[in-house]
Amino acid sequence: MTNTHHLETELHSDFLKQGRIDPITGEKIEEGHTIIICSACKSAFFIESWEYLGQTHCNQNDTLVEIPKPKNMFLKAKPLEYLPFLFKRGNQDVDNTIYSIFESIIIIPVILIVMILLILLTLFVGKITTPIAAILFLVGTIGGIVYFFNKKKSPTSLTFLKRKINSKKATQITLNRKAQGITIKRKDKINTFKFDDIKELRYFVEYISINNHNQCALSIQITTHKNKGKTYYTLLHQDEIQYWSDFLEELPYSLRVLNAK
């Protein structure tokens, strides 16, 4: 069953203060709109957008029966518990592009050099090596075709799955109730973005289903009133998305949260 919510200022003022935006249309959610909220990531959608997605999001179709109520962040200061997956600072799309270019620079010349050597070997050594050269040439050609086909099929997903985030250089993120902010830890450096200083928190989840990996690429951008934004990304299993959902649910309603790339 799909649960809908008709927004009214008197009943949903805290929710409306967030300035939510429909992830599909990019339109601001305001009083009078009827919305649907994904139970996994707490993203809000117009009915048309939910139907456009096939009534599914986060690989499930459950929706919230009630609009989440704001929580008093000062009631209880829990010990810091970092999200159980490591982040890398930077832009995922930019890093993927750089990695793909670097990968291509190495692989393409190797394939070309092997083919040229085989041709020269055939020309100068003679007919004896011709069958062997032909077989190797064919294998190299097929390998090149398969490589480019995979890159064209899903360059971002395949590239991302090949890489691992170095634990020594990784970033950890947690909700800091005591400091009233989001704490970022990298090596021995700890930095906390106060909720009052954060202009908006933007996140985007990309689902990757290749060779039964069922992974999710999560990108986060924290923008304060003083800087353009700090961007982080990670790769996690779809079963771990609940940790991120819980993180979002604990954020104060006064914080502007956008599910958009």
Protein backbone atom coordinates (compact mmCIF):
# COMPACT_ATOMS: atom_id res chain seq x y z
CA MET A 1 0.00 0.00 0.00
CA THR A 2 1.27 3.46 -0.93
CA ASN A 3 0.92 6.04 1.84
CA THR A 4 0.35 9.65 0.77
CA HIS A 5 0.58 12.86 2.81
CA HIS A 6 -1.19 16.13 2.04
CA LEU A 7 0.97 18.91 3.44
CA GLU A 8 -0.57 21.60 5.62
CA THR A 9 1.32 24.36 7.39
CA GLU A 10 -0.41 23.85 10.74
CA LEU A 11 0.35 20.13 10.81
CA HIS A 12 3.65 19.90 8.94
CA SER A 13 5.44 23.20 9.56
CA ASP A 14 8.67 21.50 10.68
CA PHE A 15 8.76 19.35 7.56
CA LEU A 16 8.03 22.32 5.26
CA LYS A 17 10.86 24.32 6.85
CA GLN A 18 13.34 21.83 5.39
CA GLY A 19 12.68 23.19 1.90
CA ARG A 20 12.60 19.71 0.41
CA ILE A 21 12.86 19.24 -3.37
CA ASP A 22 11.36 16.42 -5.41
CA PRO A 23 14.39 14.44 -6.71
CA ILE A 24 12.76 13.78 -10.09
CA THR A 25 11.24 17.14 -11.04
CA GLY A 26 13.52 19.40 -9.00
CA GLU A 27 10.42 21.31 -7.85
CA LYS A 28 10.23 22.58 -4.28
CA ILE A 29 7.78 20.74 -2.03
CA GLU A 30 5.34 23.21 -0.48
CA GLU A 31 2.05 23.49 1.38
CA GLY A 32 -0.83 21.92 -0.53
CA HIS A 33 1.32 19.31 -2.23
CA THR A 34 0.63 15.61 -1.77
CA ILE A 35 3.77 13.55 -1.31
CA ILE A 36 5.05 10.02 -0.75
CA ILE A 37 8.07 9.31 1.47
CA CYS A 38 10.44 6.40 0.83
CA SER A 39 10.75 4.38 4.04
CA ALA A 40 14.41 3.55 3.39
CA CYS A 41 16.05 6.91 2.67
CA LYS A 42 13.21 9.23 3.78
CA SER A 43 13.21 11.04 0.41
CA ALA A 44 9.94 12.79 -0.45
CA PHE A 45 8.34 12.47 -3.91
CA PHE A 46 5.30 13.85 -5.68
CA ILE A 47 2.78 11.15 -6.61
CA GLU A 48 3.68 11.54 -10.30
CA SER A 49 7.38 11.12 -9.54
CA TRP A 50 6.71 8.01 -7.44
CA GLU A 51 4.72 6.49 -10.29
CA TYR A 52 7.49 7.46 -12.73
CA LEU A 53 9.90 5.40 -10.60
CA GLY A 54 7.57 2.42 -10.83
CA GLN A 55 6.54 2.93 -7.20
CA THR A 56 9.94 1.73 -6.00
CA HIS A 57 12.99 3.44 -4.51
CA CYS A 58 16.06 2.11 -2.71
CA ASN A 59 15.21 -1.28 -4.25
CA GLN A 60 11.95 -1.48 -2.25
CA ASN A 61 8.40 -0.10 -2.39
CA ASP A 62 7.59 0.60 1.27
CA THR A 63 6.47 4.13 2.15
CA LEU A 64 6.15 5.91 5.49
CA VAL A 65 2.74 5.86 7.15
CA GLU A 66 3.52 9.11 8.99
CA ILE A 67 5.77 12.05 8.27
CA PRO A 68 8.84 11.75 10.54
CA LYS A 69 8.57 13.89 13.64
CA PRO A 70 11.42 16.23 14.58
CA LYS A 71 13.73 14.98 17.30
CA ASN A 72 15.21 16.99 20.12
CA MET A 73 18.95 16.70 19.51
CA PHE A 74 19.70 17.85 23.06
CA LEU A 75 17.86 15.05 24.85
CA LYS A 76 20.64 12.51 24.76
CA ALA A 77 24.22 12.78 23.57
CA LYS A 78 25.25 9.34 22.39
CA PRO A 79 28.90 8.27 22.01
CA LEU A 80 30.24 8.85 18.52
CA GLU A 81 29.38 5.94 16.24
CA TYR A 82 30.80 6.40 12.76
CA LEU A 83 28.96 5.04 9.75
CA PRO A 84 30.25 1.48 9.08
CA PHE A 85 31.60 2.31 5.62
CA LEU A 86 34.61 4.38 4.61
CA PHE A 87 34.34 7.52 2.50
CA LYS A 88 36.77 9.14 0.10
CA ARG A 89 36.91 12.89 -0.21
CA GLY A 90 36.32 14.13 -3.74
CA ASN A 91 33.86 13.92 -6.60
CA GLN A 92 32.97 10.40 -7.69
CA ASP A 93 32.34 11.32 -11.35
CA VAL A 94 35.63 13.22 -11.63
CA ASP A 95 37.62 10.41 -9.99
CA ASN A 96 35.96 7.82 -12.25
CA THR A 97 36.84 9.85 -15.34
CA ILE A 98 40.47 10.24 -14.27
CA TYR A 99 40.73 6.53 -13.43
CA SER A 100 39.18 5.53 -16.77
CA ILE A 101 41.55 7.77 -18.71
CA PHE A 102 44.55 6.42 -16.81
CA GLU A 103 43.37 2.85 -17.36
CA SER A 104 42.88 3.47 -21.09
CA ILE A 105 46.31 5.11 -21.43
CA ILE A 106 47.90 1.91 -20.12
CA ILE A 107 45.75 -0.77 -21.80
CA ILE A 108 45.34 0.71 -25.29
CA PRO A 109 49.10 1.18 -26.00
CA VAL A 110 49.81 -2.35 -24.71
CA ILE A 111 47.25 -3.85 -27.11
CA LEU A 112 48.60 -1.80 -30.03
CA ILE A 113 52.24 -2.66 -29.26
CA VAL A 114 51.44 -6.39 -29.08
CA MET A 115 49.62 -6.25 -32.41
CA ILE A 116 52.46 -4.34 -34.10
CA LEU A 117 55.07 -6.76 -32.76
CA LEU A 118 53.06 -9.73 -34.00
CA ILE A 119 52.77 -8.17 -37.46
CA LEU A 120 56.52 -7.47 -37.58
CA LEU A 121 57.27 -10.96 -36.30
CA THR A 122 55.16 -12.46 -39.06
CA LEU A 123 56.78 -10.33 -41.77
CA PHE A 124 60.42 -10.88 -40.78
CA VAL A 125 60.46 -14.39 -39.30
CA GLY A 126 58.27 -16.10 -41.84
CA LYS A 127 55.43 -18.50 -42.28
CA ILE A 128 56.28 -20.69 -39.27
CA THR A 129 55.05 -18.12 -36.78
CA THR A 130 52.09 -17.03 -38.89
CA PRO A 131 49.50 -19.38 -37.26
CA ILE A 132 50.69 -18.46 -33.75
CA ALA A 133 50.70 -14.76 -34.57
CA ALA A 134 47.24 -15.01 -36.08
CA ILE A 135 45.88 -16.67 -32.95
CA LEU A 136 47.49 -14.11 -30.63
CA PHE A 137 46.32 -11.28 -32.87
CA LEU A 138 42.77 -12.64 -32.74
CA VAL A 139 42.89 -12.99 -28.94
CA GLY A 140 44.20 -9.44 -28.58
CA THR A 141 41.51 -8.08 -30.87
CA ILE A 142 38.72 -9.88 -29.01
CA GLY A 143 40.15 -8.70 -25.69
CA GLY A 144 40.19 -5.11 -26.93
CA ILE A 145 36.61 -5.35 -28.18
CA VAL A 146 35.40 -6.83 -24.88
CA TYR A 147 37.24 -4.14 -22.93
CA PHE A 148 35.69 -1.27 -24.89
CA PHE A 149 32.25 -2.93 -24.83
CA ASN A 150 32.35 -3.13 -21.04
CA LYS A 151 33.54 0.45 -20.74
CA LYS A 152 30.75 1.65 -23.01
CA LYS A 153 28.14 -0.48 -21.26
CA SER A 154 28.64 0.95 -17.80
CA PRO A 155 31.85 2.98 -17.37
CA THR A 156 31.00 4.43 -13.97
CA SER A 157 29.83 1.21 -12.35
CA LEU A 158 32.60 -1.04 -13.65
CA THR A 159 35.31 1.48 -12.87
CA PHE A 160 34.00 2.09 -9.37
CA LEU A 161 33.73 -1.60 -8.50
CA LYS A 162 37.38 -2.17 -9.42
CA ARG A 163 38.63 0.34 -6.90
CA LYS A 164 38.94 0.18 -3.14
CA ILE A 165 39.09 3.08 -0.73
CA ASN A 166 42.42 3.12 1.08
CA SER A 167 41.65 2.74 4.79
CA LYS A 168 44.72 4.83 5.69
CA LYS A 169 43.42 7.77 3.66
CA ALA A 170 39.71 7.18 4.22
CA THR A 171 37.23 9.54 5.83
CA GLN A 172 34.69 8.56 8.49
CA ILE A 173 31.42 10.39 9.09
CA THR A 174 29.13 10.47 12.12
CA LEU A 175 26.34 12.46 13.73
CA ASN A 176 27.68 14.35 16.74
CA ARG A 177 24.84 15.14 19.15
CA LYS A 178 27.10 16.64 21.78
CA ALA A 179 28.65 19.10 19.33
CA GLN A 180 25.35 19.53 17.45
CA GLY A 181 26.82 18.81 14.05
CA ILE A 182 28.27 16.31 11.59
CA THR A 183 31.77 15.14 12.49
CA ILE A 184 34.31 14.22 9.81
CA LYS A 185 37.38 12.17 10.78
CA ARG A 186 40.38 11.61 8.51
CA LYS A 187 43.50 10.07 10.04
CA ASP A 188 44.05 12.01 13.27
CA LYS A 189 42.16 15.11 12.13
CA ILE A 190 38.59 15.62 13.34
CA ASN A 191 36.38 18.41 12.03
CA THR A 192 32.76 19.10 12.97
CA PHE A 193 30.29 21.01 10.81
CA LYS A 194 27.78 22.65 13.16
CA PHE A 195 24.16 22.23 12.12
CA ASP A 196 23.66 26.00 12.31
CA ASP A 197 26.61 26.52 9.94
CA ILE A 198 25.43 23.99 7.33
CA LYS A 199 23.56 25.57 4.44
CA GLU A 200 22.49 22.23 2.96
CA LEU A 201 23.33 18.53 2.89
CA ARG A 202 23.05 17.03 -0.58
CA TYR A 203 23.26 13.28 -1.22
CA PHE A 204 22.72 10.88 -4.09
CA VAL A 205 22.49 7.08 -4.14
CA GLU A 206 23.31 5.23 -7.36
CA TYR A 207 22.38 1.54 -7.43
CA ILE A 208 24.85 -0.78 -9.16
CA SER A 209 23.85 -4.32 -10.08
CA ILE A 210 26.71 -6.00 -11.95
CA ASN A 211 27.65 -9.66 -11.55
CA ASN A 212 25.29 -9.85 -8.54
CA HIS A 213 27.30 -7.27 -6.59
CA ASN A 214 24.15 -5.31 -5.62
CA GLN A 215 26.20 -2.34 -4.51
CA CYS A 216 25.28 1.31 -3.96
CA ALA A 217 27.46 4.32 -4.68
CA LEU A 218 26.67 7.04 -2.13
CA SER A 219 27.78 10.64 -2.72
CA ILE A 220 27.52 13.36 -0.04
CA GLN A 221 28.09 17.10 -0.27
CA ILE A 222 28.11 19.27 2.85
CA THR A 223 27.81 22.97 2.04
CA THR A 224 28.24 25.57 4.77
CA HIS A 225 27.52 29.28 4.67
CA LYS A 226 31.27 29.91 4.38
CA ASN A 227 32.41 27.47 1.68
CA LYS A 228 31.24 25.91 -1.59
CA GLY A 229 30.98 22.43 -0.15
CA LYS A 230 32.91 19.34 0.85
CA THR A 231 32.18 16.24 -1.22
CA TYR A 232 32.63 12.60 -0.19
CA TYR A 233 31.63 9.26 -1.71
CA THR A 234 31.67 5.58 -0.84
CA LEU A 235 30.63 2.15 -2.07
CA LEU A 236 28.38 0.02 0.14
CA HIS A 237 26.19 -3.03 -0.12
CA GLN A 238 22.48 -2.41 -0.59
CA ASP A 239 21.82 -4.01 2.81
CA GLU A 240 23.91 -1.25 4.42
CA ILE A 241 21.75 1.57 3.05
CA GLN A 242 19.69 1.35 6.24
CA TYR A 243 22.62 2.86 8.18
CA TRP A 244 22.47 5.91 5.94
CA SER A 245 18.69 6.02 6.29
CA ASP A 246 19.03 6.04 10.09
CA PHE A 247 21.63 8.81 9.80
CA LEU A 248 19.22 10.98 7.80
CA GLU A 249 16.39 10.32 10.24
CA GLU A 250 18.50 11.62 13.14
CA LEU A 251 19.21 14.96 11.45
CA PRO A 252 17.32 18.00 12.78
CA TYR A 253 14.41 19.25 10.69
CA SER A 254 15.98 22.70 10.51
CA LEU A 255 18.74 21.26 8.30
CA ARG A 256 18.11 21.46 4.55
CA VAL A 257 18.56 17.96 3.08
CA LEU A 258 18.38 17.34 -0.68
CA ASN A 259 18.33 14.01 -2.49
CA ALA A 260 19.86 15.24 -5.73
CA LYS A 261 23.07 14.78 -7.68
